[in-house]
PDB file of N, CA and C in Angstrom:
ATOM      1  N   MET A   1      78.151  93.023 118.017  1.00  0.00           N
ATOM      2  CA  MET A   1      76.932  93.626 117.498  1.00  0.00           C
ATOM      3  C   MET A   1      77.044  93.733 115.977  1.00  0.00           C
ATOM      4  N   VAL A   2      75.981  93.465 115.298  1.00  0.00           N
ATOM      5  CA  VAL A   2      75.935  93.509 113.844  1.00  0.00           C
ATOM      6  C   VAL A   2      75.570  94.933 113.417  1.00  0.00           C
ATOM      7  N   ASP A   3      76.341  95.482 112.458  1.00  0.00           N
ATOM      8  CA  ASP A   3      76.029  96.847 112.022  1.00  0.00           C
ATOM      9  C   ASP A   3      74.991  96.844 110.903  1.00  0.00           C
ATOM     10  N   ASP A   4      74.493  98.037 110.588  1.00  0.00           N
ATOM     11  CA  ASP A   4      73.413  98.183 109.611  1.00  0.00           C
ATOM     12  C   ASP A   4      73.795  97.666 108.228  1.00  0.00           C
ATOM     13  N   ALA A   5      75.045  97.862 107.845  1.00  0.00           N
ATOM     14  CA  ALA A   5      75.478  97.414 106.512  1.00  0.00           C
ATOM     15  C   ALA A   5      75.388  95.894 106.399  1.00  0.00           C
ATOM     16  N   GLN A   6      75.780  95.192 107.440  1.00  0.00           N
ATOM     17  CA  GLN A   6      75.698  93.727 107.432  1.00  0.00           C
ATOM     18  C   GLN A   6      74.249  93.271 107.388  1.00  0.00           C
ATOM     19  N   ILE A   7      73.393  93.959 108.113  1.00  0.00           N
ATOM     20  CA  ILE A   7      71.968  93.616 108.123  1.00  0.00           C
ATOM     21  C   ILE A   7      71.379  93.822 106.732  1.00  0.00           C
ATOM     22  N   ARG A   8      71.745  94.924 106.084  1.00  0.00           N
ATOM     23  CA  ARG A   8      71.225  95.204 104.736  1.00  0.00           C
ATOM     24  C   ARG A   8      71.685  94.148 103.723  1.00  0.00           C
ATOM     25  N   VAL A   9      72.933  93.716 103.839  1.00  0.00           N
ATOM     26  CA  VAL A   9      73.444  92.672 102.946  1.00  0.00           C
ATOM     27  C   VAL A   9      72.677  91.375 103.171  1.00  0.00           C
ATOM     28  N   ARG A  10      72.457  91.028 104.416  1.00  0.00           N
ATOM     29  CA  ARG A  10      71.697  89.813 104.749  1.00  0.00           C
ATOM     30  C   ARG A  10      70.260  89.928 104.231  1.00  0.00           C
ATOM     31  N   LEU A  11      69.658  91.105 104.386  1.00  0.00           N
ATOM     32  CA  LEU A  11      68.295  91.329 103.900  1.00  0.00           C
ATOM     33  C   LEU A  11      68.216  91.147 102.386  1.00  0.00           C
ATOM     34  N   ASP A  12      69.194  91.674 101.673  1.00  0.00           N
ATOM     35  CA  ASP A  12      69.199  91.521 100.210  1.00  0.00           C
ATOM     36  C   ASP A  12      69.241  90.047  99.824  1.00  0.00           C
ATOM     37  N   GLY A  13      70.078  89.288 100.504  1.00  0.00           N
ATOM     38  CA  GLY A  13      70.172  87.857 100.222  1.00  0.00           C
ATOM     39  C   GLY A  13      68.877  87.120 100.526  1.00  0.00           C
ATOM     40  N   LEU A  14      68.260  87.455 101.649  1.00  0.00           N
ATOM     41  CA  LEU A  14      67.005  86.804 102.032  1.00  0.00           C
ATOM     42  C   LEU A  14      65.874  87.158 101.067  1.00  0.00           C
ATOM     43  N   ARG A  15      65.835  88.416 100.654  1.00  0.00           N
ATOM     44  CA  ARG A  15      64.791  88.824  99.702  1.00  0.00           C
ATOM     45  C   ARG A  15      64.960  88.110  98.361  1.00  0.00           C
ATOM     46  N   THR A  16      66.203  87.951  97.932  1.00  0.00           N
ATOM     47  CA  THR A  16      66.470  87.228  96.688  1.00  0.00           C
ATOM     48  C   THR A  16      66.023  85.776  96.807  1.00  0.00           C
ATOM     49  N   GLU A  17      66.366  85.150  97.919  1.00  0.00           N
ATOM     50  CA  GLU A  17      65.958  83.758  98.135  1.00  0.00           C
ATOM     51  C   GLU A  17      64.434  83.642  98.195  1.00  0.00           C
ATOM     52  N   HIS A  18      63.776  84.625  98.807  1.00  0.00           N
ATOM     53  CA  HIS A  18      62.315  84.638  98.915  1.00  0.00           C
ATOM     54  C   HIS A  18      61.688  84.701  97.519  1.00  0.00           C
ATOM     55  N   ARG A  19      62.222  85.571  96.646  1.00  0.00           N
ATOM     56  CA  ARG A  19      61.721  85.668  95.271  1.00  0.00           C
ATOM     57  C   ARG A  19      61.980  84.378  94.500  1.00  0.00           C
ATOM     58  N   ASP A  20      63.144  83.776  94.720  1.00  0.00           N
ATOM     59  CA  ASP A  20      63.465  82.512  94.051  1.00  0.00           C
ATOM     60  C   ASP A  20      62.494  81.409  94.469  1.00  0.00           C
ATOM     61  N   LEU A  21      62.129  81.406  95.737  1.00  0.00           N
ATOM     62  CA  LEU A  21      61.160  80.420  96.213  1.00  0.00           C
ATOM     63  C   LEU A  21      59.799  80.644  95.573  1.00  0.00           C
ATOM     64  N   ASP A  22      59.424  81.911  95.381  1.00  0.00           N
ATOM     65  CA  ASP A  22      58.179  82.219  94.666  1.00  0.00           C
ATOM     66  C   ASP A  22      58.184  81.559  93.289  1.00  0.00           C
ATOM     67  N   ASP A  23      59.293  81.735  92.585  1.00  0.00           N
ATOM     68  CA  ASP A  23      59.414  81.173  91.237  1.00  0.00           C
ATOM     69  C   ASP A  23      59.373  79.645  91.269  1.00  0.00           C
ATOM     70  N   ALA A  24      60.053  79.058  92.244  1.00  0.00           N
ATOM     71  CA  ALA A  24      60.086  77.599  92.348  1.00  0.00           C
ATOM     72  C   ALA A  24      58.700  77.040  92.677  1.00  0.00           C
ATOM     73  N   ILE A  25      57.990  77.710  93.561  1.00  0.00           N
ATOM     74  CA  ILE A  25      56.640  77.261  93.930  1.00  0.00           C
ATOM     75  C   ILE A  25      55.705  77.371  92.727  1.00  0.00           C
ATOM     76  N   ALA A  26      55.817  78.470  91.991  1.00  0.00           N
ATOM     77  CA  ALA A  26      54.976  78.652  90.812  1.00  0.00           C
ATOM     78  C   ALA A  26      55.274  77.588  89.765  1.00  0.00           C
ATOM     79  N   ALA A  27      56.542  77.294  89.542  1.00  0.00           N
ATOM     80  CA  ALA A  27      56.913  76.277  88.560  1.00  0.00           C
ATOM     81  C   ALA A  27      56.413  74.907  88.993  1.00  0.00           C
ATOM     82  N   LEU A  28      56.517  74.617  90.271  1.00  0.00           N
ATOM     83  CA  LEU A  28      56.064  73.330  90.785  1.00  0.00           C
ATOM     84  C   LEU A  28      54.547  73.207  90.679  1.00  0.00           C
ATOM     85  N   ALA A  29      53.845  74.305  90.867  1.00  0.00           N
ATOM     86  CA  ALA A  29      52.385  74.282  90.794  1.00  0.00           C
ATOM     87  C   ALA A  29      51.896  73.968  89.380  1.00  0.00           C
ATOM     88  N   PHE A  30      52.664  74.379  88.375  1.00  0.00           N
ATOM     89  CA  PHE A  30      52.259  74.150  86.992  1.00  0.00           C
ATOM     90  C   PHE A  30      52.766  72.822  86.430  1.00  0.00           C
ATOM     91  N   ALA A  31      53.441  72.041  87.245  1.00  0.00           N
ATOM     92  CA  ALA A  31      53.922  70.727  86.801  1.00  0.00           C
ATOM     93  C   ALA A  31      52.722  69.811  86.555  1.00  0.00           C
ATOM     94  N   VAL A  32      52.924  68.820  85.714  1.00  0.00           N
ATOM     95  CA  VAL A  32      51.845  67.883  85.390  1.00  0.00           C
ATOM     96  C   VAL A  32      51.362  67.183  86.656  1.00  0.00           C
ATOM     97  N   THR A  33      52.299  66.715  87.455  1.00  0.00           N
ATOM     98  CA  THR A  33      51.952  66.098  88.739  1.00  0.00           C
ATOM     99  C   THR A  33      52.763  66.801  89.831  1.00  0.00           C
ATOM    100  N   PRO A  34      52.219  67.886  90.381  1.00  0.00           N
ATOM    101  CA  PRO A  34      52.967  68.645  91.383  1.00  0.00           C
ATOM    102  C   PRO A  34      53.252  67.808  92.628  1.00  0.00           C
ATOM    103  N   ASP A  35      54.469  67.944  93.131  1.00  0.00           N
ATOM    104  CA  ASP A  35      54.876  67.261  94.354  1.00  0.00           C
ATOM    105  C   ASP A  35      54.394  68.089  95.540  1.00  0.00           C
ATOM    106  N   GLN A  36      53.309  67.655  96.156  1.00  0.00           N
ATOM    107  CA  GLN A  36      52.683  68.419  97.237  1.00  0.00           C
ATOM    108  C   GLN A  36      53.605  68.544  98.451  1.00  0.00           C
ATOM    109  N   LEU A  37      54.373  67.509  98.737  1.00  0.00           N
ATOM    110  CA  LEU A  37      55.278  67.555  99.883  1.00  0.00           C
ATOM    111  C   LEU A  37      56.372  68.588  99.648  1.00  0.00           C
ATOM    112  N   GLN A  38      56.950  68.578  98.464  1.00  0.00           N
ATOM    113  CA  GLN A  38      57.989  69.550  98.133  1.00  0.00           C
ATOM    114  C   GLN A  38      57.420  70.974  98.159  1.00  0.00           C
ATOM    115  N   MET A  39      56.215  71.142  97.636  1.00  0.00           N
ATOM    116  CA  MET A  39      55.582  72.463  97.637  1.00  0.00           C
ATOM    117  C   MET A  39      55.364  72.948  99.066  1.00  0.00           C
ATOM    118  N   ALA A  40      54.919  72.074  99.943  1.00  0.00           N
ATOM    119  CA  ALA A  40      54.702  72.447 101.345  1.00  0.00           C
ATOM    120  C   ALA A  40      56.012  72.848 102.004  1.00  0.00           C
ATOM    121  N   ARG A  41      57.088  72.136 101.694  1.00  0.00           N
ATOM    122  CA  ARG A  41      58.399  72.477 102.265  1.00  0.00           C
ATOM    123  C   ARG A  41      58.870  73.843 101.774  1.00  0.00           C
ATOM    124  N   LEU A  42      58.672  74.105 100.501  1.00  0.00           N
ATOM    125  CA  LEU A  42      59.089  75.393  99.949  1.00  0.00           C
ATOM    126  C   LEU A  42      58.284  76.537 100.565  1.00  0.00           C
ATOM    127  N   LYS A  43      56.990  76.318 100.744  1.00  0.00           N
ATOM    128  CA  LYS A  43      56.144  77.349 101.346  1.00  0.00           C
ATOM    129  C   LYS A  43      56.538  77.604 102.799  1.00  0.00           C
ATOM    130  N   LYS A  44      56.883  76.546 103.512  1.00  0.00           N
ATOM    131  CA  LYS A  44      57.299  76.683 104.905  1.00  0.00           C
ATOM    132  C   LYS A  44      58.612  77.466 104.986  1.00  0.00           C
ATOM    133  N   ARG A  45      59.534  77.148 104.083  1.00  0.00           N
ATOM    134  CA  ARG A  45      60.804  77.866 104.039  1.00  0.00           C
ATOM    135  C   ARG A  45      60.568  79.345 103.714  1.00  0.00           C
ATOM    136  N   LYS A  46      59.650  79.607 102.798  1.00  0.00           N
ATOM    137  CA  LYS A  46      59.320  80.978 102.423  1.00  0.00           C
ATOM    138  C   LYS A  46      58.769  81.755 103.619  1.00  0.00           C
ATOM    139  N   LEU A  47      57.928  81.123 104.430  1.00  0.00           N
ATOM    140  CA  LEU A  47      57.389  81.774 105.627  1.00  0.00           C
ATOM    141  C   LEU A  47      58.486  82.073 106.642  1.00  0.00           C
ATOM    142  N   ARG A  48      59.419  81.131 106.805  1.00  0.00           N
ATOM    143  CA  ARG A  48      60.534  81.380 107.725  1.00  0.00           C
ATOM    144  C   ARG A  48      61.376  82.552 107.243  1.00  0.00           C
ATOM    145  N   LEU A  49      61.597  82.627 105.938  1.00  0.00           N
ATOM    146  CA  LEU A  49      62.355  83.745 105.384  1.00  0.00           C
ATOM    147  C   LEU A  49      61.628  85.066 105.631  1.00  0.00           C
ATOM    148  N   ARG A  50      60.311  85.064 105.426  1.00  0.00           N
ATOM    149  CA  ARG A  50      59.523  86.281 105.648  1.00  0.00           C
ATOM    150  C   ARG A  50      59.667  86.751 107.094  1.00  0.00           C
ATOM    151  N   ASP A  51      59.625  85.809 108.040  1.00  0.00           N
ATOM    152  CA  ASP A  51      59.768  86.162 109.452  1.00  0.00           C
ATOM    153  C   ASP A  51      61.161  86.726 109.745  1.00  0.00           C
ATOM    154  N   GLU A  52      62.185  86.123 109.156  1.00  0.00           N
ATOM    155  CA  GLU A  52      63.547  86.598 109.371  1.00  0.00           C
ATOM    156  C   GLU A  52      63.742  87.981 108.744  1.00  0.00           C
ATOM    157  N   ILE A  53      63.156  88.191 107.574  1.00  0.00           N
ATOM    158  CA  ILE A  53      63.227  89.502 106.924  1.00  0.00           C
ATOM    159  C   ILE A  53      62.580  90.560 107.817  1.00  0.00           C
ATOM    160  N   ALA A  54      61.414  90.250 108.355  1.00  0.00           N
ATOM    161  CA  ALA A  54      60.714  91.198 109.230  1.00  0.00           C
ATOM    162  C   ALA A  54      61.539  91.507 110.473  1.00  0.00           C
ATOM    163  N   MET A  55      62.175  90.495 111.048  1.00  0.00           N
ATOM    164  CA  MET A  55      62.991  90.698 112.243  1.00  0.00           C
ATOM    165  C   MET A  55      64.180  91.611 111.939  1.00  0.00           C
ATOM    166  N   LEU A  56      64.833  91.387 110.799  1.00  0.00           N
ATOM    167  CA  LEU A  56      65.984  92.211 110.439  1.00  0.00           C
ATOM    168  C   LEU A  56      65.564  93.639 110.100  1.00  0.00           C
ATOM    169  N   GLU A  57      64.421  93.790 109.452  1.00  0.00           N
ATOM    170  CA  GLU A  57      63.925  95.135 109.153  1.00  0.00           C
ATOM    171  C   GLU A  57      63.624  95.891 110.448  1.00  0.00           C
ATOM    172  N   ASP A  58      63.114  95.200 111.444  1.00  0.00           N
ATOM    173  CA  ASP A  58      62.845  95.825 112.734  1.00  0.00           C
ATOM    174  C   ASP A  58      64.137  96.300 113.400  1.00  0.00           C
ATOM    175  N   GLN A  59      65.229  95.562 113.189  1.00  0.00           N
ATOM    176  CA  GLN A  59      66.517  95.959 113.767  1.00  0.00           C
ATOM    177  C   GLN A  59      67.045  97.237 113.126  1.00  0.00           C
ATOM    178  N   LEU A  60      66.673  97.481 111.877  1.00  0.00           N
ATOM    179  CA  LEU A  60      67.146  98.680 111.185  1.00  0.00           C
ATOM    180  C   LEU A  60      66.386  99.937 111.597  1.00  0.00           C
ATOM    181  N   ILE A  61      65.165  99.757 112.098  1.00  0.00           N
ATOM    182  CA  ILE A  61      64.353 100.905 112.515  1.00  0.00           C
ATOM    183  C   ILE A  61      64.749 101.287 113.943  1.00  0.00           C
ATOM    184  N   PRO A  62      65.178 102.515 114.130  1.00  0.00           N
ATOM    185  CA  PRO A  62      65.603 102.914 115.482  1.00  0.00           C
ATOM    186  C   PRO A  62      64.417 102.960 116.451  1.00  0.00           C
ATOM    187  N   ASP A  63      64.708 102.603 117.687  1.00  0.00           N
ATOM    188  CA  ASP A  63      63.684 102.684 118.733  1.00  0.00           C
ATOM    189  C   ASP A  63      63.433 104.148 119.067  1.00  0.00           C
ATOM    190  N   ILE A  64      62.153 104.499 119.119  1.00  0.00           N
ATOM    191  CA  ILE A  64      61.777 105.863 119.455  1.00  0.00           C
ATOM    192  C   ILE A  64      61.113 105.839 120.826  1.00  0.00           C
ATOM    193  N   ILE A  65      61.670 106.603 121.711  1.00  0.00           N
ATOM    194  CA  ILE A  65      61.094 106.678 123.054  1.00  0.00           C
ATOM    195  C   ILE A  65      59.972 107.718 123.024  1.00  0.00           C
ATOM    196  N   ALA A  66      58.774 107.258 123.329  1.00  0.00           N
ATOM    197  CA  ALA A  66      57.625 108.170 123.266  1.00  0.00           C
ATOM    198  C   ALA A  66      57.347 108.774 124.611  1.00  0.00           C
TER     199      ALA A  66
END
């Protein structure tokens, strides 16, 4: 089982990568001839990261029995 500290470290790394992808997508968009295929790949990777971040954040929130 993965403990909370490991999840938080992984989350920090994923959030950093997500921000880096934002910067890369923005830089690619302002290029003279933007590579649409590369931009689509970066956006797809960014969405996968967002989903993984959400999944890990859900693991950190304790289940509450109502």
